[in-house]
Amino acid sequence: MTTELPTQQALAGCPTFPADADALPAEILSGSRLEAAGDEWSLGSMQLPSEAIPDEISLGLFGVLADMTTGNALARSLPPLTSLRTVNLRMDVVGELATPGEMVQARGEQLCLNEHSGVSQTTVRRPDGAALLVCTARFIVVPHQPLEPLLSGQQEAMQLRQSAVVSELLGVTAVAHRGEEVQTLITPSDRMANHHGVVHGGLHVGMADFALRRAAQGKAGALPVRLVDLALTYHRPIVISQERQLVIRSRVERRGQRVIIVSADIESTSGRLLTSSQGTALLQ
């Protein structure tokens, strides 16, 4: 099934959404905005930080935008009193990534949906229309849960909105090399939340990307590396009130002449697996 998605100029009369008043803290933090949504499609945008270091513009920076638009491509077709939970998500670079300060647009399209699960896909494009990445995500349909107050998270997100420092956005407190493993410590806070008081699924992408790239760079030495795809499996939600610190353990699974396969697990401090991920990095 292919759905015709509207252009920005054709959005008159479509349901639109305010930038910040009803936005999730994680959306504010990342500069992502849901512009409009209809049956089986969604449209979002994201302003990249103008002070960002070009090397830090990687797949993880677009995680919230991708998760937001894939989810909203399904949301209007859900049965009453149900919502979605991300099960797995894959992102692939298909063109040159955007540069600091650019506004990118994402279009989400529903691929399939039944009473148990749904799949959707988002393409993120640069201002000139060139595709830069594609995201495919699977969600399960779950009973609707009460919404959590977001004011404190929104205020915190506004203060750090679009920081040029990715580690600051993610709450990274330490990065250490332990033999073949890189350990990254993260302190989650309300600025990373969705409506249910858990870390937004798109920020799992950001955390995994941060750790995967550091593991790959450790094997590449002075050679630059570029993460060209990553895939995540969400095992448990990260409830911010319960998980005050996270440990990400990343490692190189295989290094070839030009390709490095890396993996990373996001865990609680007690060792519970929350999210697992794998990515492909290319030596430049």
C-alpha atoms as a PDB file:
ATOM      1  CA  MET A   1       0.000   0.000   0.000  1.00  0.00           C
ATOM      2  CA  THR A   2       1.345   3.384  -0.999  1.00  0.00           C
ATOM      3  CA  THR A   3      -0.141   6.569   0.406  1.00  0.00           C
ATOM      4  CA  GLU A   4       0.166   9.939  -1.284  1.00  0.00           C
ATOM      5  CA  LEU A   5       1.726  12.262   1.267  1.00  0.00           C
ATOM      6  CA  PRO A   6       0.973  15.990   1.113  1.00  0.00           C
ATOM      7  CA  THR A   7       3.603  18.572   0.381  1.00  0.00           C
ATOM      8  CA  GLN A   8       4.203  21.485   2.741  1.00  0.00           C
ATOM      9  CA  GLN A   9       2.198  23.702   0.367  1.00  0.00           C
ATOM     10  CA  ALA A  10      -0.726  21.257   0.372  1.00  0.00           C
ATOM     11  CA  LEU A  11      -1.131  21.152   4.156  1.00  0.00           C
ATOM     12  CA  ALA A  12      -3.898  23.763   4.367  1.00  0.00           C
ATOM     13  CA  GLY A  13      -6.848  22.168   6.127  1.00  0.00           C
ATOM     14  CA  CYS A  14      -4.831  19.272   7.556  1.00  0.00           C
ATOM     15  CA  PRO A  15      -4.650  18.812  11.350  1.00  0.00           C
ATOM     16  CA  THR A  16      -1.652  20.791  12.595  1.00  0.00           C
ATOM     17  CA  PHE A  17       0.048  20.894  15.966  1.00  0.00           C
ATOM     18  CA  PRO A  18       1.614  23.657  18.091  1.00  0.00           C
ATOM     19  CA  ALA A  19       5.387  23.802  18.332  1.00  0.00           C
ATOM     20  CA  ASP A  20       5.856  23.616  22.094  1.00  0.00           C
ATOM     21  CA  ALA A  21       2.637  23.859  24.114  1.00  0.00           C
ATOM     22  CA  ASP A  22       1.725  20.191  23.655  1.00  0.00           C
ATOM     23  CA  ALA A  23       5.141  18.946  22.569  1.00  0.00           C
ATOM     24  CA  LEU A  24       6.911  16.189  24.438  1.00  0.00           C
ATOM     25  CA  PRO A  25      10.038  17.250  26.351  1.00  0.00           C
ATOM     26  CA  ALA A  26      12.170  15.035  24.091  1.00  0.00           C
ATOM     27  CA  GLU A  27      10.731  16.728  21.007  1.00  0.00           C
ATOM     28  CA  ILE A  28      11.575  20.154  22.405  1.00  0.00           C
ATOM     29  CA  LEU A  29      15.046  18.969  23.368  1.00  0.00           C
ATOM     30  CA  SER A  30      15.818  17.705  19.866  1.00  0.00           C
ATOM     31  CA  GLY A  31      14.140  20.546  17.981  1.00  0.00           C
ATOM     32  CA  SER A  32      11.636  18.121  16.419  1.00  0.00           C
ATOM     33  CA  ARG A  33       8.104  19.208  15.599  1.00  0.00           C
ATOM     34  CA  LEU A  34       5.042  17.318  14.406  1.00  0.00           C
ATOM     35  CA  GLU A  35       3.675  19.562  11.674  1.00  0.00           C
ATOM     36  CA  ALA A  36       0.614  17.595  10.583  1.00  0.00           C
ATOM     37  CA  ALA A  37      -0.888  14.116  10.480  1.00  0.00           C
ATOM     38  CA  GLY A  38      -3.713  12.324   8.728  1.00  0.00           C
ATOM     39  CA  ASP A  39      -4.889   8.817   8.007  1.00  0.00           C
ATOM     40  CA  GLU A  40      -1.741   6.720   7.436  1.00  0.00           C
ATOM     41  CA  TRP A  41       0.729   9.610   7.139  1.00  0.00           C
ATOM     42  CA  SER A  42       2.540  12.219   9.195  1.00  0.00           C
ATOM     43  CA  LEU A  43       4.803  15.172   8.537  1.00  0.00           C
ATOM     44  CA  GLY A  44       7.491  16.482  10.888  1.00  0.00           C
ATOM     45  CA  SER A  45      10.412  18.862  10.827  1.00  0.00           C
ATOM     46  CA  MET A  46      13.613  19.416  12.772  1.00  0.00           C
ATOM     47  CA  GLN A  47      15.950  22.380  13.031  1.00  0.00           C
ATOM     48  CA  LEU A  48      19.528  21.191  13.440  1.00  0.00           C
ATOM     49  CA  PRO A  49      21.631  23.127  15.975  1.00  0.00           C
ATOM     50  CA  SER A  50      23.489  25.894  14.194  1.00  0.00           C
ATOM     51  CA  GLU A  51      26.519  25.455  16.469  1.00  0.00           C
ATOM     52  CA  ALA A  52      26.710  21.683  16.080  1.00  0.00           C
ATOM     53  CA  ILE A  53      30.031  20.089  15.244  1.00  0.00           C
ATOM     54  CA  PRO A  54      29.598  18.531  11.762  1.00  0.00           C
ATOM     55  CA  ASP A  55      31.106  15.219  12.935  1.00  0.00           C
ATOM     56  CA  GLU A  56      28.415  14.991  15.624  1.00  0.00           C
ATOM     57  CA  ILE A  57      25.578  15.091  13.059  1.00  0.00           C
ATOM     58  CA  SER A  58      24.967  11.352  12.919  1.00  0.00           C
ATOM     59  CA  LEU A  59      21.980   9.021  12.806  1.00  0.00           C
ATOM     60  CA  GLY A  60      21.245   9.412  16.492  1.00  0.00           C
ATOM     61  CA  LEU A  61      20.494  13.105  16.146  1.00  0.00           C
ATOM     62  CA  PHE A  62      17.436  12.265  14.043  1.00  0.00           C
ATOM     63  CA  GLY A  63      16.071   9.564  16.371  1.00  0.00           C
ATOM     64  CA  VAL A  64      13.258  11.581  17.937  1.00  0.00           C
ATOM     65  CA  LEU A  65      12.104  12.941  14.570  1.00  0.00           C
ATOM     66  CA  ALA A  66      12.106   9.440  13.057  1.00  0.00           C
ATOM     67  CA  ASP A  67      10.320   7.766  15.995  1.00  0.00           C
ATOM     68  CA  MET A  68       7.782  10.609  16.184  1.00  0.00           C
ATOM     69  CA  THR A  69       6.804  10.489  12.518  1.00  0.00           C
ATOM     70  CA  THR A  70       6.741   6.695  12.209  1.00  0.00           C
ATOM     71  CA  GLY A  71       4.497   6.481  15.287  1.00  0.00           C
ATOM     72  CA  ASN A  72       2.157   9.247  14.158  1.00  0.00           C
ATOM     73  CA  ALA A  73       1.733   7.608  10.755  1.00  0.00           C
ATOM     74  CA  LEU A  74      -0.082   4.827  12.649  1.00  0.00           C
ATOM     75  CA  ALA A  75      -1.678   6.709  15.537  1.00  0.00           C
ATOM     76  CA  ARG A  76      -4.852   7.960  13.824  1.00  0.00           C
ATOM     77  CA  SER A  77      -5.767   4.433  12.725  1.00  0.00           C
ATOM     78  CA  LEU A  78      -5.607   2.905  16.210  1.00  0.00           C
ATOM     79  CA  PRO A  79      -8.676   1.493  17.977  1.00  0.00           C
ATOM     80  CA  PRO A  80     -10.076   3.631  20.826  1.00  0.00           C
ATOM     81  CA  LEU A  81      -8.247   3.532  24.170  1.00  0.00           C
ATOM     82  CA  THR A  82      -5.056   2.099  22.700  1.00  0.00           C
ATOM     83  CA  SER A  83      -1.601   3.505  22.018  1.00  0.00           C
ATOM     84  CA  LEU A  84       1.728   2.357  20.607  1.00  0.00           C
ATOM     85  CA  ARG A  85       5.008   1.087  22.029  1.00  0.00           C
ATOM     86  CA  THR A  86       8.148   0.852  19.891  1.00  0.00           C
ATOM     87  CA  VAL A  87       9.450  -2.713  19.538  1.00  0.00           C
ATOM     88  CA  ASN A  88      12.240  -2.278  17.016  1.00  0.00           C
ATOM     89  CA  LEU A  89      13.567   0.445  14.774  1.00  0.00           C
ATOM     90  CA  ARG A  90      16.118   0.607  11.979  1.00  0.00           C
ATOM     91  CA  MET A  91      17.757   3.664  10.429  1.00  0.00           C
ATOM     92  CA  ASP A  92      19.791   3.705   7.212  1.00  0.00           C
ATOM     93  CA  VAL A  93      21.782   6.563   5.721  1.00  0.00           C
ATOM     94  CA  VAL A  94      20.805   6.968   2.055  1.00  0.00           C
ATOM     95  CA  GLY A  95      22.460  10.307   1.266  1.00  0.00           C
ATOM     96  CA  GLU A  96      24.599  13.067   2.686  1.00  0.00           C
ATOM     97  CA  LEU A  97      23.561  14.006   6.207  1.00  0.00           C
ATOM     98  CA  ALA A  98      22.403  17.553   6.849  1.00  0.00           C
ATOM     99  CA  THR A  99      24.694  20.354   7.971  1.00  0.00           C
ATOM    100  CA  PRO A 100      24.469  22.526  11.111  1.00  0.00           C
ATOM    101  CA  GLY A 101      21.531  24.932  11.069  1.00  0.00           C
ATOM    102  CA  GLU A 102      19.580  23.175   8.312  1.00  0.00           C
ATOM    103  CA  MET A 103      15.859  22.453   8.584  1.00  0.00           C
ATOM    104  CA  VAL A 104      15.010  18.890   7.598  1.00  0.00           C
ATOM    105  CA  GLN A 105      11.583  17.400   6.917  1.00  0.00           C
ATOM    106  CA  ALA A 106      10.345  13.893   7.643  1.00  0.00           C
ATOM    107  CA  ARG A 107       7.387  12.135   6.059  1.00  0.00           C
ATOM    108  CA  GLY A 108       5.997   9.055   7.735  1.00  0.00           C
ATOM    109  CA  GLU A 109       3.845   6.479   5.957  1.00  0.00           C
ATOM    110  CA  GLN A 110       1.892   3.578   7.379  1.00  0.00           C
ATOM    111  CA  LEU A 111       2.887   0.240   5.834  1.00  0.00           C
ATOM    112  CA  CYS A 112       0.583  -2.080   7.783  1.00  0.00           C
ATOM    113  CA  LEU A 113      -1.475  -2.114  10.981  1.00  0.00           C
ATOM    114  CA  ASN A 114      -3.635  -4.693  12.760  1.00  0.00           C
ATOM    115  CA  GLU A 115      -4.988  -5.085  16.275  1.00  0.00           C
ATOM    116  CA  HIS A 116      -1.620  -6.342  17.544  1.00  0.00           C
ATOM    117  CA  SER A 117       1.114  -4.356  15.793  1.00  0.00           C
ATOM    118  CA  GLY A 118       1.991  -1.972  13.001  1.00  0.00           C
ATOM    119  CA  VAL A 119       4.896  -1.044  10.749  1.00  0.00           C
ATOM    120  CA  SER A 120       5.639   2.367   9.292  1.00  0.00           C
ATOM    121  CA  GLN A 121       8.454   4.089   7.467  1.00  0.00           C
ATOM    122  CA  THR A 122       9.830   7.618   7.474  1.00  0.00           C
ATOM    123  CA  THR A 123      12.083   9.345   4.963  1.00  0.00           C
ATOM    124  CA  VAL A 124      14.007  12.382   6.184  1.00  0.00           C
ATOM    125  CA  ARG A 125      14.959  14.949   3.531  1.00  0.00           C
ATOM    126  CA  ARG A 126      17.216  17.963   3.307  1.00  0.00           C
ATOM    127  CA  PRO A 127      15.823  21.372   2.265  1.00  0.00           C
ATOM    128  CA  ASP A 128      16.596  20.622  -1.402  1.00  0.00           C
ATOM    129  CA  GLY A 129      14.455  17.455  -1.245  1.00  0.00           C
ATOM    130  CA  ALA A 130      17.376  15.017  -1.250  1.00  0.00           C
ATOM    131  CA  ALA A 131      16.760  11.995   1.004  1.00  0.00           C
ATOM    132  CA  LEU A 132      19.313  11.631   3.795  1.00  0.00           C
ATOM    133  CA  LEU A 133      17.947   8.692   5.802  1.00  0.00           C
ATOM    134  CA  VAL A 134      15.157   6.129   5.943  1.00  0.00           C
ATOM    135  CA  CYS A 135      13.706   4.746   9.177  1.00  0.00           C
ATOM    136  CA  THR A 136      11.489   1.663   9.475  1.00  0.00           C
ATOM    137  CA  ALA A 137       9.852   0.907  12.823  1.00  0.00           C
ATOM    138  CA  ARG A 138       7.574  -1.736  14.307  1.00  0.00           C
ATOM    139  CA  PHE A 139       5.198  -0.922  17.146  1.00  0.00           C
ATOM    140  CA  ILE A 140       2.909  -3.039  19.286  1.00  0.00           C
ATOM    141  CA  VAL A 141      -0.596  -1.899  20.162  1.00  0.00           C
ATOM    142  CA  VAL A 142      -1.046  -1.546  23.931  1.00  0.00           C
ATOM    143  CA  PRO A 143      -3.823  -0.278  26.225  1.00  0.00           C
ATOM    144  CA  HIS A 144      -3.790   3.481  26.610  1.00  0.00           C
ATOM    145  CA  GLN A 145      -1.957   4.676  29.722  1.00  0.00           C
ATOM    146  CA  PRO A 146      -2.588   7.830  31.776  1.00  0.00           C
ATOM    147  CA  LEU A 147      -0.453  10.755  30.682  1.00  0.00           C
ATOM    148  CA  GLU A 148       2.206  12.160  32.997  1.00  0.00           C
ATOM    149  CA  PRO A 149       2.616  15.885  33.743  1.00  0.00           C
ATOM    150  CA  LEU A 150       5.293  17.290  31.456  1.00  0.00           C
ATOM    151  CA  LEU A 151       5.877  20.824  32.662  1.00  0.00           C
ATOM    152  CA  SER A 152       9.171  20.231  34.474  1.00  0.00           C
ATOM    153  CA  GLY A 153      10.546  18.233  31.563  1.00  0.00           C
ATOM    154  CA  GLN A 154       9.423  20.843  29.057  1.00  0.00           C
ATOM    155  CA  GLN A 155      11.133  23.617  30.999  1.00  0.00           C
ATOM    156  CA  GLU A 156      14.374  21.652  31.315  1.00  0.00           C
ATOM    157  CA  ALA A 157      14.278  20.769  27.618  1.00  0.00           C
ATOM    158  CA  MET A 158      13.778  24.416  26.675  1.00  0.00           C
ATOM    159  CA  GLN A 159      16.910  25.380  28.612  1.00  0.00           C
ATOM    160  CA  LEU A 160      19.046  22.831  26.762  1.00  0.00           C
ATOM    161  CA  ARG A 161      17.133  23.001  23.487  1.00  0.00           C
ATOM    162  CA  GLN A 162      19.302  22.053  20.541  1.00  0.00           C
ATOM    163  CA  SER A 163      22.550  22.189  22.460  1.00  0.00           C
ATOM    164  CA  ALA A 164      25.523  21.866  20.138  1.00  0.00           C
ATOM    165  CA  VAL A 165      26.945  19.249  22.547  1.00  0.00           C
ATOM    166  CA  VAL A 166      25.322  15.852  21.980  1.00  0.00           C
ATOM    167  CA  SER A 167      26.618  14.440  25.268  1.00  0.00           C
ATOM    168  CA  GLU A 168      24.863  17.265  27.125  1.00  0.00           C
ATOM    169  CA  LEU A 169      21.548  16.542  25.419  1.00  0.00           C
ATOM    170  CA  LEU A 170      21.792  12.872  26.358  1.00  0.00           C
ATOM    171  CA  GLY A 171      22.981  13.372  29.935  1.00  0.00           C
ATOM    172  CA  VAL A 172      26.323  11.617  29.425  1.00  0.00           C
ATOM    173  CA  THR A 173      28.366  11.780  32.622  1.00  0.00           C
ATOM    174  CA  ALA A 174      31.345   9.523  31.817  1.00  0.00           C
ATOM    175  CA  VAL A 175      32.918   7.486  29.024  1.00  0.00           C
ATOM    176  CA  ALA A 176      35.538   4.860  29.881  1.00  0.00           C
ATOM    177  CA  HIS A 177      37.387   2.139  27.951  1.00  0.00           C
ATOM    178  CA  ARG A 178      37.372  -1.215  29.777  1.00  0.00           C
ATOM    179  CA  GLY A 179      39.475  -3.597  27.707  1.00  0.00           C
ATOM    180  CA  GLU A 180      37.538  -4.293  24.499  1.00  0.00           C
ATOM    181  CA  GLU A 181      34.441  -2.555  25.850  1.00  0.00           C
ATOM    182  CA  VAL A 182      33.462   1.114  26.012  1.00  0.00           C
ATOM    183  CA  GLN A 183      31.237   2.022  28.954  1.00  0.00           C
ATOM    184  CA  THR A 184      29.111   5.151  28.773  1.00  0.00           C
ATOM    185  CA  LEU A 185      27.236   6.398  31.838  1.00  0.00           C
ATOM    186  CA  ILE A 186      24.057   8.427  31.309  1.00  0.00           C
ATOM    187  CA  THR A 187      21.813  10.154  33.820  1.00  0.00           C
ATOM    188  CA  PRO A 188      18.304  10.359  32.295  1.00  0.00           C
ATOM    189  CA  SER A 189      16.009  13.199  33.289  1.00  0.00           C
ATOM    190  CA  ASP A 190      12.520  14.514  32.568  1.00  0.00           C
ATOM    191  CA  ARG A 191      13.788  16.461  29.548  1.00  0.00           C
ATOM    192  CA  MET A 192      14.153  13.085  27.771  1.00  0.00           C
ATOM    193  CA  ALA A 193      10.582  11.954  28.451  1.00  0.00           C
ATOM    194  CA  ASN A 194       7.556  11.095  26.394  1.00  0.00           C
ATOM    195  CA  HIS A 195       3.968  11.375  27.701  1.00  0.00           C
ATOM    196  CA  HIS A 196       4.354   8.383  30.007  1.00  0.00           C
ATOM    197  CA  GLY A 197       7.386   9.403  32.040  1.00  0.00           C
ATOM    198  CA  VAL A 198       9.763   7.116  30.150  1.00  0.00           C
ATOM    199  CA  VAL A 199      12.701   7.983  27.920  1.00  0.00           C
ATOM    200  CA  HIS A 200      11.477   8.742  24.404  1.00  0.00           C
ATOM    201  CA  GLY A 201      12.156   5.906  21.964  1.00  0.00           C
ATOM    202  CA  GLY A 202      14.026   8.295  19.692  1.00  0.00           C
ATOM    203  CA  LEU A 203      16.518   9.090  22.441  1.00  0.00           C
ATOM    204  CA  HIS A 204      17.355   5.386  22.755  1.00  0.00           C
ATOM    205  CA  VAL A 205      18.591   5.873  19.183  1.00  0.00           C
ATOM    206  CA  GLY A 206      20.690   8.849  20.255  1.00  0.00           C
ATOM    207  CA  MET A 207      22.241   6.974  23.170  1.00  0.00           C
ATOM    208  CA  ALA A 208      22.999   3.896  21.072  1.00  0.00           C
ATOM    209  CA  ASP A 209      24.499   6.010  18.283  1.00  0.00           C
ATOM    210  CA  PHE A 210      26.734   7.858  20.753  1.00  0.00           C
ATOM    211  CA  ALA A 211      28.117   4.602  22.175  1.00  0.00           C
ATOM    212  CA  LEU A 212      28.401   2.738  18.866  1.00  0.00           C
ATOM    213  CA  ARG A 213      30.427   5.498  17.257  1.00  0.00           C
ATOM    214  CA  ARG A 214      32.860   5.638  20.143  1.00  0.00           C
ATOM    215  CA  ALA A 215      33.436   1.910  20.032  1.00  0.00           C
ATOM    216  CA  ALA A 216      34.033   2.072  16.271  1.00  0.00           C
ATOM    217  CA  GLN A 217      36.371   5.046  16.577  1.00  0.00           C
ATOM    218  CA  GLY A 218      38.412   3.181  19.165  1.00  0.00           C
ATOM    219  CA  LYS A 219      39.235   0.530  16.546  1.00  0.00           C
ATOM    220  CA  ALA A 220      39.681   2.985  13.676  1.00  0.00           C
ATOM    221  CA  GLY A 221      42.482   4.941  15.322  1.00  0.00           C
ATOM    222  CA  ALA A 222      43.115   8.198  13.505  1.00  0.00           C
ATOM    223  CA  LEU A 223      40.883   7.252  10.556  1.00  0.00           C
ATOM    224  CA  PRO A 224      37.432   8.899  10.510  1.00  0.00           C
ATOM    225  CA  VAL A 225      34.419   6.595  10.705  1.00  0.00           C
ATOM    226  CA  ARG A 226      30.792   7.084   9.716  1.00  0.00           C
ATOM    227  CA  LEU A 227      27.877   5.105  11.125  1.00  0.00           C
ATOM    228  CA  VAL A 228      25.689   4.260   8.118  1.00  0.00           C
ATOM    229  CA  ASP A 229      22.999   2.145   9.750  1.00  0.00           C
ATOM    230  CA  LEU A 230      21.785   1.098  13.160  1.00  0.00           C
ATOM    231  CA  ALA A 231      19.056  -1.206  14.422  1.00  0.00           C
ATOM    232  CA  LEU A 232      17.508  -1.236  17.887  1.00  0.00           C
ATOM    233  CA  THR A 233      15.390  -3.737  19.806  1.00  0.00           C
ATOM    234  CA  TYR A 234      13.496  -2.268  22.756  1.00  0.00           C
ATOM    235  CA  HIS A 235      13.282  -4.800  25.588  1.00  0.00           C
ATOM    236  CA  ARG A 236      11.966  -2.646  28.447  1.00  0.00           C
ATOM    237  CA  PRO A 237      10.944   1.002  28.793  1.00  0.00           C
ATOM    238  CA  ILE A 238      13.352   3.276  30.665  1.00  0.00           C
ATOM    239  CA  VAL A 239      11.189   4.686  33.461  1.00  0.00           C
ATOM    240  CA  ILE A 240      12.918   7.903  34.487  1.00  0.00           C
ATOM    241  CA  SER A 241      11.712   7.802  38.100  1.00  0.00           C
ATOM    242  CA  GLN A 242      13.212   4.310  38.513  1.00  0.00           C
ATOM    243  CA  GLU A 243      16.364   4.374  36.392  1.00  0.00           C
ATOM    244  CA  ARG A 244      18.470   7.240  37.689  1.00  0.00           C
ATOM    245  CA  GLN A 245      21.577   6.050  35.858  1.00  0.00           C
ATOM    246  CA  LEU A 246      22.113   3.972  32.728  1.00  0.00           C
ATOM    247  CA  VAL A 247      25.145   2.007  31.563  1.00  0.00           C
ATOM    248  CA  ILE A 248      25.773   1.532  27.837  1.00  0.00           C
ATOM    249  CA  ARG A 249      28.244  -1.220  26.988  1.00  0.00           C
ATOM    250  CA  SER A 250      29.489  -0.962  23.398  1.00  0.00           C
ATOM    251  CA  ARG A 251      32.001  -3.139  21.588  1.00  0.00           C
ATOM    252  CA  VAL A 252      33.360  -3.979  18.152  1.00  0.00           C
ATOM    253  CA  GLU A 253      32.034  -7.305  16.877  1.00  0.00           C
ATOM    254  CA  ARG A 254      34.155  -7.394  13.726  1.00  0.00           C
ATOM    255  CA  ARG A 255      36.594  -5.106  11.947  1.00  0.00           C
ATOM    256  CA  GLY A 256      37.319  -5.487   8.251  1.00  0.00           C
ATOM    257  CA  GLN A 257      39.378  -3.351   5.918  1.00  0.00           C
ATOM    258  CA  ARG A 258      36.601  -0.798   5.504  1.00  0.00           C
ATOM    259  CA  VAL A 259      33.678  -2.043   7.619  1.00  0.00           C
ATOM    260  CA  ILE A 260      33.336  -2.148  11.400  1.00  0.00           C
ATOM    261  CA  ILE A 261      30.365  -3.952  12.983  1.00  0.00           C
ATOM    262  CA  VAL A 262      29.548  -2.589  16.427  1.00  0.00           C
ATOM    263  CA  SER A 263      26.961  -3.397  19.095  1.00  0.00           C
ATOM    264  CA  ALA A 264      25.739  -1.678  22.239  1.00  0.00           C
ATOM    265  CA  ASP A 265      23.462  -2.640  25.121  1.00  0.00           C
ATOM    266  CA  ILE A 266      21.668  -0.077  27.263  1.00  0.00           C
ATOM    267  CA  GLU A 267      21.344  -1.475  30.784  1.00  0.00           C
ATOM    268  CA  SER A 268      20.189  -0.437  34.219  1.00  0.00           C
ATOM    269  CA  THR A 269      22.831  -0.213  36.928  1.00  0.00           C
ATOM    270  CA  SER A 270      21.535  -3.572  38.205  1.00  0.00           C
ATOM    271  CA  GLY A 271      22.338  -5.153  34.831  1.00  0.00           C
ATOM    272  CA  ARG A 272      18.806  -5.402  33.388  1.00  0.00           C
ATOM    273  CA  LEU A 273      18.884  -5.192  29.589  1.00  0.00           C
ATOM    274  CA  LEU A 274      16.729  -2.300  28.383  1.00  0.00           C
ATOM    275  CA  THR A 275      17.682  -1.858  24.715  1.00  0.00           C
ATOM    276  CA  SER A 276      20.079  -3.670  22.420  1.00  0.00           C
ATOM    277  CA  SER A 277      21.516  -2.264  19.208  1.00  0.00           C
ATOM    278  CA  GLN A 278      23.875  -2.986  16.342  1.00  0.00           C
ATOM    279  CA  GLY A 279      25.351  -0.751  13.681  1.00  0.00           C
ATOM    280  CA  THR A 280      27.617  -0.651  10.660  1.00  0.00           C
ATOM    281  CA  ALA A 281      30.419   1.903  10.505  1.00  0.00           C
ATOM    282  CA  LEU A 282      32.511   2.641   7.425  1.00  0.00           C
ATOM    283  CA  LEU A 283      36.098   3.790   7.507  1.00  0.00           C
ATOM    284  CA  GLN A 284      36.345   7.009   5.516  1.00  0.00           C
END
